[in-house]
Protein backbone atom coordinates (compact mmCIF):
# COMPACT_ATOMS: atom_id res chain seq x y z
CA MET A 1 0.05 -0.14 -0.14
CA ASN A 2 1.46 3.34 -1.47
CA THR A 3 1.36 6.43 1.25
CA HIS A 4 1.26 9.23 -1.42
CA ALA A 5 0.15 12.09 -1.15
CA THR A 6 -2.97 12.47 -3.30
CA SER A 7 -2.94 15.29 -6.08
CA ARG A 8 -4.91 17.86 -6.31
CA PHE A 9 -5.47 16.65 -10.48
CA GLU A 10 -6.66 13.40 -9.10
CA ASN A 11 -10.46 13.06 -9.62
CA VAL A 12 -9.30 14.69 -13.26
CA ILE A 13 -7.04 12.53 -14.53
CA ASN A 14 -9.12 9.76 -14.43
CA SER A 15 -12.25 11.29 -15.78
CA PRO A 16 -13.09 10.79 -19.64
CA ALA A 17 -13.43 13.91 -20.37
CA PHE A 18 -9.47 14.17 -19.71
CA VAL A 19 -9.24 11.37 -21.63
CA ALA A 20 -10.90 13.16 -24.82
CA ASP A 21 -9.68 16.84 -23.98
CA PRO A 22 -6.10 17.13 -21.77
CA TYR A 23 -4.03 19.42 -22.82
CA GLU A 24 -5.34 22.30 -20.58
CA VAL A 25 -4.72 19.89 -17.69
CA PHE A 26 -1.31 19.16 -18.60
CA CYS A 27 -0.35 22.70 -18.79
CA GLU A 28 -0.94 22.83 -14.91
CA MET A 29 0.62 19.65 -14.18
CA ARG A 30 3.73 20.53 -16.02
CA THR A 31 4.19 23.60 -13.88
CA ASP A 32 2.64 22.43 -10.36
CA ASP A 33 3.23 19.05 -10.05
CA PRO A 34 5.04 17.36 -13.04
CA VAL A 35 5.86 14.24 -11.34
CA LEU A 36 2.61 13.20 -9.73
CA TRP A 37 1.11 10.27 -7.92
CA SER A 38 -2.52 8.80 -8.96
CA ASP A 39 -3.63 6.24 -6.62
CA GLY A 40 -6.77 6.13 -9.40
CA ILE A 41 -4.13 5.17 -12.37
CA GLY A 42 -2.18 3.41 -10.00
CA GLY A 43 1.24 5.07 -10.64
CA TRP A 44 3.48 8.11 -11.47
CA ILE A 45 2.28 10.53 -14.01
CA LEU A 46 5.50 12.05 -16.05
CA THR A 47 4.37 15.39 -17.84
CA ARG A 48 7.60 17.11 -18.55
CA TYR A 49 9.73 16.14 -21.92
CA ASP A 50 13.14 16.22 -19.83
CA ASP A 51 11.75 14.20 -17.47
CA ILE A 52 10.13 11.57 -19.69
CA VAL A 53 13.40 11.38 -22.07
CA VAL A 54 15.25 10.46 -18.70
CA SER A 55 12.48 7.67 -18.03
CA PHE A 56 13.37 6.22 -22.48
CA LYS A 57 17.04 6.58 -21.43
CA GLU A 58 17.69 5.27 -18.09
CA THR A 59 16.65 1.92 -18.86
CA SER A 60 18.35 0.25 -15.53
CA SER A 61 15.72 1.76 -13.59
CA PHE A 62 12.28 2.69 -15.69
CA SER A 63 11.84 -0.99 -16.95
CA ASN A 64 9.90 -2.64 -19.93
CA GLU A 65 9.97 -6.10 -18.78
CA GLY A 66 6.45 -7.38 -16.36
CA ARG A 67 5.15 -3.61 -16.63
CA LEU A 68 1.77 -4.73 -18.25
CA ALA A 69 1.50 -7.60 -15.96
CA GLN A 70 1.32 -5.52 -13.30
CA SER A 71 -2.11 -4.99 -14.37
CA VAL A 72 -2.82 -8.06 -11.98
CA GLU A 73 -1.23 -6.89 -8.72
CA HIS A 74 -4.32 -5.38 -7.16
CA LEU A 75 -6.20 -8.61 -7.56
CA THR A 76 -6.13 -11.67 -4.88
CA GLY A 77 -7.00 -14.56 -4.30
CA ALA A 78 -9.49 -16.23 -6.60
CA SER A 79 -9.45 -13.44 -9.12
CA ARG A 80 -5.80 -13.48 -9.13
CA GLU A 81 -5.74 -17.02 -10.01
CA ARG A 82 -8.58 -16.42 -12.93
CA LEU A 83 -5.87 -14.19 -14.81
CA ALA A 84 -2.83 -16.63 -14.47
CA LYS A 85 -2.62 -16.81 -18.28
CA PHE A 86 -3.00 -13.06 -19.18
CA GLU A 87 -0.03 -12.64 -16.26
CA ALA A 88 2.19 -15.51 -17.98
CA HIS A 89 1.84 -13.79 -21.18
CA TYR A 90 3.02 -10.41 -19.89
CA ARG A 91 6.13 -11.80 -17.74
CA THR A 92 7.16 -13.40 -20.67
CA LYS A 93 9.90 -11.44 -22.71
CA GLY A 94 8.95 -10.41 -26.14
CA LEU A 95 10.31 -7.18 -28.38
CA LEU A 96 8.04 -4.42 -25.99
CA HIS A 97 8.60 -6.38 -22.53
CA SER A 98 12.13 -6.87 -22.43
CA ASP A 99 15.40 -4.97 -21.15
CA PRO A 100 18.76 -5.21 -22.57
CA PRO A 101 19.84 -7.70 -23.37
CA ASP A 102 17.09 -9.79 -24.49
CA HIS A 103 15.54 -6.70 -26.11
CA THR A 104 18.77 -6.14 -28.21
CA ARG A 105 18.55 -9.73 -29.42
CA LEU A 106 14.67 -9.72 -30.18
CA ARG A 107 14.85 -6.31 -31.95
CA SER A 108 17.76 -7.12 -34.03
CA LEU A 109 15.39 -9.80 -35.51
CA VAL A 110 12.47 -7.72 -36.03
CA THR A 111 13.88 -4.31 -37.47
CA LYS A 112 15.50 -6.39 -40.49
CA ALA A 113 11.55 -6.36 -42.05
CA PHE A 114 11.34 -2.38 -41.28
CA THR A 115 14.25 -0.97 -42.82
CA PRO A 116 13.46 1.81 -45.34
CA ARG A 117 14.52 -0.30 -48.10
CA VAL A 118 12.07 -2.89 -47.57
CA ILE A 119 9.15 -0.25 -46.76
CA GLU A 120 10.28 1.35 -50.35
CA THR A 121 9.19 -2.29 -51.74
CA LEU A 122 5.63 -2.29 -50.05
CA LYS A 123 4.87 1.18 -51.13
CA PRO A 124 3.52 0.70 -54.26
CA ARG A 125 0.94 -2.18 -52.49
CA ILE A 126 -0.06 0.37 -49.57
CA LYS A 127 -0.97 2.98 -52.78
CA GLU A 128 -2.88 -0.18 -53.84
CA ILE A 129 -4.63 -1.04 -51.14
CA VAL A 130 -5.55 2.49 -49.94
CA THR A 131 -7.11 3.33 -53.41
CA ASP A 132 -9.30 0.25 -53.36
CA LEU A 133 -10.49 0.98 -49.83
CA LEU A 134 -11.25 4.40 -50.68
CA LYS A 135 -12.94 3.58 -54.14
CA GLU A 136 -15.25 0.63 -52.22
CA ALA A 137 -15.92 3.84 -49.67
CA SER A 138 -16.96 6.22 -52.08
CA ALA A 139 -19.28 3.41 -53.99
CA ARG A 140 -21.08 2.74 -50.65
CA GLY A 141 -21.81 6.76 -50.46
CA ASP A 142 -21.10 6.56 -47.00
CA ILE A 143 -17.38 7.22 -45.85
CA ASP A 144 -16.33 7.07 -42.01
CA ILE A 145 -12.45 7.88 -42.41
CA VAL A 146 -11.54 5.51 -39.27
CA ARG A 147 -13.91 2.60 -40.28
CA ASP A 148 -12.92 2.74 -44.02
CA LEU A 149 -9.58 3.93 -44.10
CA ALA A 150 -7.97 4.08 -40.65
CA ILE A 151 -8.28 0.82 -38.99
CA PRO A 152 -8.59 -1.54 -42.88
CA LEU A 153 -4.57 0.08 -43.93
CA PRO A 154 -2.58 -0.60 -41.38
CA ALA A 155 -4.80 -3.52 -40.33
CA THR A 156 -3.95 -5.37 -44.08
CA VAL A 157 -0.38 -4.00 -44.21
CA ILE A 158 0.70 -5.82 -41.05
CA ALA A 159 -1.04 -8.89 -42.14
CA GLU A 160 0.19 -9.12 -45.36
CA MET A 161 4.13 -8.46 -43.86
CA LEU A 162 3.74 -11.66 -41.32
CA GLY A 163 2.11 -13.50 -44.15
CA ALA A 164 -1.12 -13.99 -42.00
CA PRO A 165 -4.41 -14.19 -44.14
CA THR A 166 -5.78 -10.66 -45.17
CA ALA A 167 -9.14 -12.21 -44.53
CA ASP A 168 -8.44 -12.22 -40.79
CA ARG A 169 -7.37 -8.63 -40.44
CA HIS A 170 -11.21 -8.28 -38.64
CA ARG A 171 -9.91 -10.51 -35.76
CA PHE A 172 -7.07 -8.21 -35.36
CA ARG A 173 -9.30 -5.52 -34.93
CA LYS A 174 -11.18 -7.15 -31.80
CA TRP A 175 -7.71 -8.59 -30.28
CA ALA A 176 -6.68 -4.94 -30.29
CA ASP A 177 -9.28 -3.51 -28.75
CA ASP A 178 -9.30 -5.75 -26.21
CA LEU A 179 -5.80 -6.02 -25.26
CA LEU A 180 -5.36 -1.96 -25.45
CA ALA A 181 -8.72 -1.23 -23.04
CA PHE A 182 -6.95 -2.75 -19.83
CA GLN A 183 -3.52 -0.57 -20.28
CA GLY A 184 -3.35 3.12 -19.24
CA ILE A 185 -4.12 2.58 -16.02
CA ASN A 186 -2.59 0.00 -13.44
CA LYS A 187 -5.53 -0.95 -11.88
CA PRO A 188 -8.01 -2.07 -14.51
CA PRO A 189 -11.62 -3.79 -13.36
CA GLU A 190 -11.17 -7.62 -13.14
CA ALA A 191 -13.80 -7.84 -16.18
CA VAL A 192 -11.50 -5.82 -18.64
CA LEU A 193 -8.45 -7.86 -17.47
CA LEU A 194 -10.45 -11.17 -18.25
CA GLN A 195 -11.50 -9.95 -21.59
CA ALA A 196 -8.18 -8.86 -22.36
CA GLN A 197 -7.19 -12.54 -21.47
CA GLU A 198 -9.67 -14.47 -23.49
CA SER A 199 -8.57 -12.60 -26.51
CA LEU A 200 -5.52 -13.01 -25.64
CA ILE A 201 -5.87 -17.08 -25.84
CA GLU A 202 -7.75 -16.60 -29.02
CA MET A 203 -4.82 -14.76 -30.58
CA ARG A 204 -1.98 -16.88 -29.26
CA ASP A 205 -3.99 -19.77 -30.51
CA TYR A 206 -3.88 -18.66 -33.79
CA LEU A 207 -0.58 -17.90 -33.91
CA MET A 208 0.49 -20.91 -33.07
CA VAL A 209 -1.36 -22.72 -36.18
CA GLN A 210 0.48 -19.57 -38.23
CA ILE A 211 3.64 -20.79 -37.22
CA GLU A 212 3.05 -24.40 -37.52
CA GLU A 213 1.81 -23.43 -41.20
CA LYS A 214 5.25 -21.21 -41.62
CA ARG A 215 7.48 -24.46 -40.61
CA THR A 216 5.63 -26.51 -43.12
CA ASN A 217 4.93 -24.39 -45.53
CA PRO A 218 7.82 -21.36 -45.16
CA LYS A 219 7.16 -18.24 -47.25
CA ASP A 220 8.91 -14.56 -48.05
CA ASP A 221 7.07 -13.10 -44.54
CA LEU A 222 8.22 -11.59 -41.68
CA LEU A 223 6.88 -14.39 -39.28
CA THR A 224 8.58 -17.20 -41.91
CA LYS A 225 12.13 -15.62 -40.86
CA LEU A 226 10.89 -15.26 -37.27
CA VAL A 227 9.89 -19.07 -37.17
CA GLN A 228 13.63 -19.72 -38.78
CA ALA A 229 15.33 -17.95 -36.09
CA GLU A 230 13.00 -19.67 -33.49
CA SER A 231 14.57 -23.15 -34.82
CA GLU A 232 18.49 -22.00 -34.65
CA GLY A 233 17.28 -22.25 -30.98
CA ASP A 234 19.23 -19.23 -29.70
CA ARG A 235 17.70 -16.64 -31.17
CA LEU A 236 14.11 -16.62 -29.91
CA SER A 237 12.34 -19.04 -28.18
CA VAL A 238 8.69 -20.09 -28.94
CA ALA A 239 7.21 -17.88 -25.93
CA GLU A 240 9.35 -15.03 -26.98
CA LEU A 241 8.04 -15.49 -30.49
CA ILE A 242 4.54 -15.16 -29.84
CA ASN A 243 4.73 -12.54 -27.71
CA THR A 244 6.51 -10.72 -30.12
CA CYS A 245 3.81 -11.60 -32.49
CA VAL A 246 0.92 -10.50 -30.58
CA THR A 247 3.03 -7.26 -30.26
CA LEU A 248 3.44 -6.61 -34.02
CA LEU A 249 -0.31 -7.36 -34.67
CA VAL A 250 -1.40 -5.41 -32.05
CA ALA A 251 0.99 -2.10 -32.05
CA GLY A 252 1.79 -2.89 -36.40
CA HIS A 253 -2.08 -1.19 -36.98
CA GLU A 254 -3.19 0.62 -33.79
CA THR A 255 -0.79 3.26 -33.97
CA THR A 256 -0.87 3.88 -37.73
CA THR A 257 -4.91 4.11 -37.19
CA SER A 258 -4.75 6.35 -34.68
CA LEU A 259 -2.59 8.58 -36.89
CA LEU A 260 -4.56 8.45 -39.93
CA GLY A 261 -7.64 9.51 -38.22
CA SER A 262 -5.91 12.20 -36.01
CA SER A 263 -4.31 13.95 -39.65
CA VAL A 264 -7.08 13.59 -41.42
CA PHE A 265 -8.94 15.70 -38.58
CA THR A 266 -6.44 18.37 -37.92
CA LEU A 267 -5.63 19.09 -41.70
CA LEU A 268 -9.49 19.81 -42.43
CA THR A 269 -10.17 21.56 -39.30
CA HIS A 270 -6.48 23.70 -40.18
CA PRO A 271 -7.62 24.41 -44.39
CA GLU A 272 -4.84 27.06 -44.75
CA ALA A 273 -2.31 24.07 -43.68
CA LEU A 274 -3.99 21.72 -45.93
CA ALA A 275 -4.14 24.44 -48.77
CA LYS A 276 -0.29 24.75 -48.53
CA ILE A 277 0.13 21.03 -48.67
CA ARG A 278 -2.36 20.52 -51.75
CA ALA A 279 0.18 23.54 -53.28
CA ASP A 280 2.89 21.72 -52.70
CA TRP A 281 2.71 18.07 -51.76
CA ASP A 282 6.72 18.19 -50.67
CA LEU A 283 4.89 19.45 -47.13
CA LEU A 284 3.45 16.73 -46.27
CA PRO A 285 5.91 14.37 -44.39
CA GLN A 286 6.75 17.43 -42.31
CA ALA A 287 2.77 18.12 -41.99
CA ILE A 288 2.36 15.04 -40.25
CA GLU A 289 5.21 15.10 -37.63
CA GLU A 290 3.45 18.00 -36.72
CA VAL A 291 0.84 15.95 -36.79
CA LEU A 292 2.80 13.59 -34.63
CA ARG A 293 3.73 16.14 -31.93
CA TYR A 294 0.14 18.03 -31.86
CA GLU A 295 -2.09 14.68 -31.41
CA SER A 296 0.57 12.03 -30.31
CA PRO A 297 -1.04 8.54 -31.31
CA VAL A 298 0.33 6.97 -28.37
CA SER A 299 -0.53 9.52 -25.22
CA ARG A 300 1.21 7.38 -22.16
CA GLN A 301 3.33 4.41 -21.75
CA PRO A 302 3.84 2.85 -18.71
CA ARG A 303 7.33 1.49 -17.15
CA LEU A 304 8.05 0.03 -14.41
CA MET A 305 10.25 0.54 -11.51
CA LYS A 306 13.75 -1.66 -11.33
CA ARG A 307 15.08 0.18 -8.12
CA ASP A 308 14.61 3.14 -6.63
CA PHE A 309 15.02 6.62 -8.54
CA GLU A 310 14.86 10.22 -7.39
CA LEU A 311 13.24 12.72 -10.09
CA ASP A 312 12.26 16.41 -9.50
CA GLY A 313 12.47 15.80 -5.56
CA LYS A 314 10.36 12.41 -5.93
CA LEU A 315 11.13 9.10 -5.02
CA LEU A 316 10.05 6.68 -7.03
CA LYS A 317 10.22 3.22 -5.63
CA LYS A 318 10.89 -0.22 -7.08
CA GLY A 319 8.31 -1.92 -8.39
CA GLU A 320 5.99 1.27 -8.75
CA ILE A 321 4.19 2.04 -12.51
CA VAL A 322 5.59 5.14 -14.20
CA PHE A 323 3.33 6.61 -16.57
CA GLN A 324 4.96 8.72 -19.57
CA MET A 325 2.33 11.05 -20.56
CA LEU A 326 3.63 11.92 -24.48
CA ASN A 327 1.32 13.74 -25.35
CA ALA A 328 1.94 16.57 -22.73
CA ALA A 329 5.98 15.97 -23.70
CA ASN A 330 4.81 17.16 -27.12
CA ARG A 331 3.55 20.23 -25.86
CA ASP A 332 5.85 21.02 -23.43
CA PRO A 333 6.90 24.78 -24.06
CA ALA A 334 10.35 24.29 -22.79
CA HIS A 335 10.55 22.04 -25.92
CA PHE A 336 8.54 23.95 -28.47
CA GLU A 337 7.38 27.23 -29.29
CA ASN A 338 3.75 27.71 -28.82
CA PRO A 339 2.80 24.15 -28.51
CA GLU A 340 -0.55 24.67 -28.42
CA THR A 341 -0.84 25.77 -32.25
CA PHE A 342 -0.67 23.34 -34.87
CA ASP A 343 2.01 24.72 -37.39
CA ILE A 344 3.26 22.33 -40.45
CA PHE A 345 6.58 24.75 -40.80
CA ARG A 346 7.94 24.34 -37.38
CA LYS A 347 11.49 23.75 -36.80
CA ASN A 348 13.58 21.36 -34.60
CA ASN A 349 10.13 18.85 -34.25
CA ARG A 350 11.95 16.50 -32.36
CA HIS A 351 8.64 14.73 -30.79
CA LEU A 352 8.58 12.14 -28.89
CA ALA A 353 5.63 10.26 -30.87
CA PHE A 354 7.56 7.34 -31.37
CA GLY A 355 9.84 7.15 -27.99
CA GLN A 356 13.19 7.41 -27.90
CA GLY A 357 16.44 5.54 -27.48
CA ILE A 358 16.44 1.56 -27.23
CA HIS A 359 12.56 1.83 -27.64
CA PHE A 360 11.89 3.64 -30.59
CA CYS A 361 9.01 2.79 -32.60
CA VAL A 362 10.21 -0.19 -34.98
CA GLY A 363 7.50 0.35 -37.53
CA ALA A 364 7.97 4.37 -37.30
CA THR A 365 9.24 4.04 -40.81
CA LEU A 366 6.39 2.13 -42.00
CA ALA A 367 3.78 4.23 -40.16
CA ARG A 368 4.81 7.03 -42.06
CA ALA A 369 4.96 5.65 -45.51
CA GLU A 370 1.47 4.75 -44.70
CA ALA A 371 0.12 7.97 -43.37
CA ASN A 372 2.13 10.00 -46.49
CA ILE A 373 0.57 7.56 -49.05
CA ALA A 374 -2.78 7.18 -47.30
CA LEU A 375 -3.22 10.78 -46.79
CA LYS A 376 -1.75 12.33 -50.49
CA THR A 377 -4.32 9.63 -52.18
CA LEU A 378 -7.22 10.69 -50.35
CA PHE A 379 -6.94 14.67 -50.46
CA GLU A 380 -6.35 14.01 -54.23
CA MET A 381 -9.24 11.70 -54.74
CA PHE A 382 -11.67 13.63 -53.14
CA PRO A 383 -10.51 17.68 -53.27
CA ASN A 384 -14.01 18.79 -52.11
CA ILE A 385 -13.40 16.49 -48.74
CA ALA A 386 -15.01 18.32 -45.91
CA LEU A 387 -16.06 16.93 -42.26
CA VAL A 388 -19.72 15.76 -41.45
CA ASP A 389 -19.32 16.99 -37.45
CA PRO A 390 -16.50 19.32 -37.06
CA ASN A 391 -16.64 18.13 -33.14
CA PRO A 392 -14.37 15.11 -32.67
CA ASP A 393 -15.40 11.88 -31.15
CA TRP A 394 -12.79 10.89 -29.14
CA ASP A 395 -12.21 6.99 -27.71
CA VAL A 396 -12.12 7.55 -24.11
CA GLU A 397 -12.37 3.86 -23.46
CA LYS A 398 -8.48 3.82 -24.63
CA ARG A 399 -6.46 6.07 -22.10
CA ASN A 400 -2.85 4.96 -23.57
CA SER A 401 -4.42 5.41 -27.58
CA ARG A 402 -5.52 9.05 -28.51
CA MET A 403 -8.00 7.70 -30.73
CA LEU A 404 -11.00 9.09 -32.66
CA ARG A 405 -13.78 6.45 -32.77
CA LYS A 406 -15.38 7.86 -36.21
CA LEU A 407 -14.61 10.21 -38.98
CA PRO A 408 -17.39 10.64 -41.19
CA VAL A 409 -16.54 12.69 -44.26
CA SER A 410 -18.41 14.11 -46.84
CA VAL A 411 -16.80 14.02 -50.11
């Protein structure tokens, strides 16, 4: 049981309204209490850019290993026992759930599939998928950017990269939703954790079938390469293989879904910026970087304290969870001039949307490529595109993702 003082922000940061629009509160938190404890969230909240950079770099103190397994620590007895498979999965090392040297080994196996050269070869296929999706949506006459583009595009791309059947992409979305529902707080309700466990079991069973298929009929895809690495014995265990594949299927499309939805909404609500981009498509990459800063797809990330660490005069104790509030860091006035302003001409935009250091997002190059192709195709295909509703419908159930539930447009 912790003995931390209760912050005046406690009730605010646990509300749906905060998830929908956290930025004004973040301004106060960065000034008044930049390293604060929240009983409701069950961890420390970091809101300053510099403190979050420390938590990225000090991997010997701020750990990725076992961090999501902490979600069951507040349960006891039969409740904890019912979540044994959930806990076992998240106690297993994988790409996002390990520290060096294991992380170094696992990352070296995965990064080969996401090099700029590989992504360049994928661009024609990404363009084809985008065009087909937009044509289908246009033919129906009812276009929702989230439903018709932001969800199916990255799900299709990551499925094809892994070598999973594209027809299964609807299953990835359901699993991702369940596995993200418990994240962002350290004391999720038991029912939410049980639902996550159910999807986790389905996903692991599905992946075992795919893995066996790749062993029997190897193909030129990422899953085959990982299976071959596992067969070498000292590179990747079966448990690590499954854990990493779960991460790739979930993280491989969820953050890009967020980026695509936020990009379309932000550009349509900043028509002057969009007009400049339409006049010069070379501005699009830097506009996407500004969206990544302005509406970070991953709003918060947990770290598990491996040992006691002092930050801003507060003692973060071994075993406690720390949440890096990335969308607070990316609007920190100490690093960004006029941070609340969306500016596609911003200089030195060193945002933390993809993290920093050894855990920098392995799929960043792919996400940027998908966003560039999707946005250019969308705005060229529909020159008169406009929002149906100027009020954003943020998904307040997903605390660790800056995600729109829907984004209807007229064309």
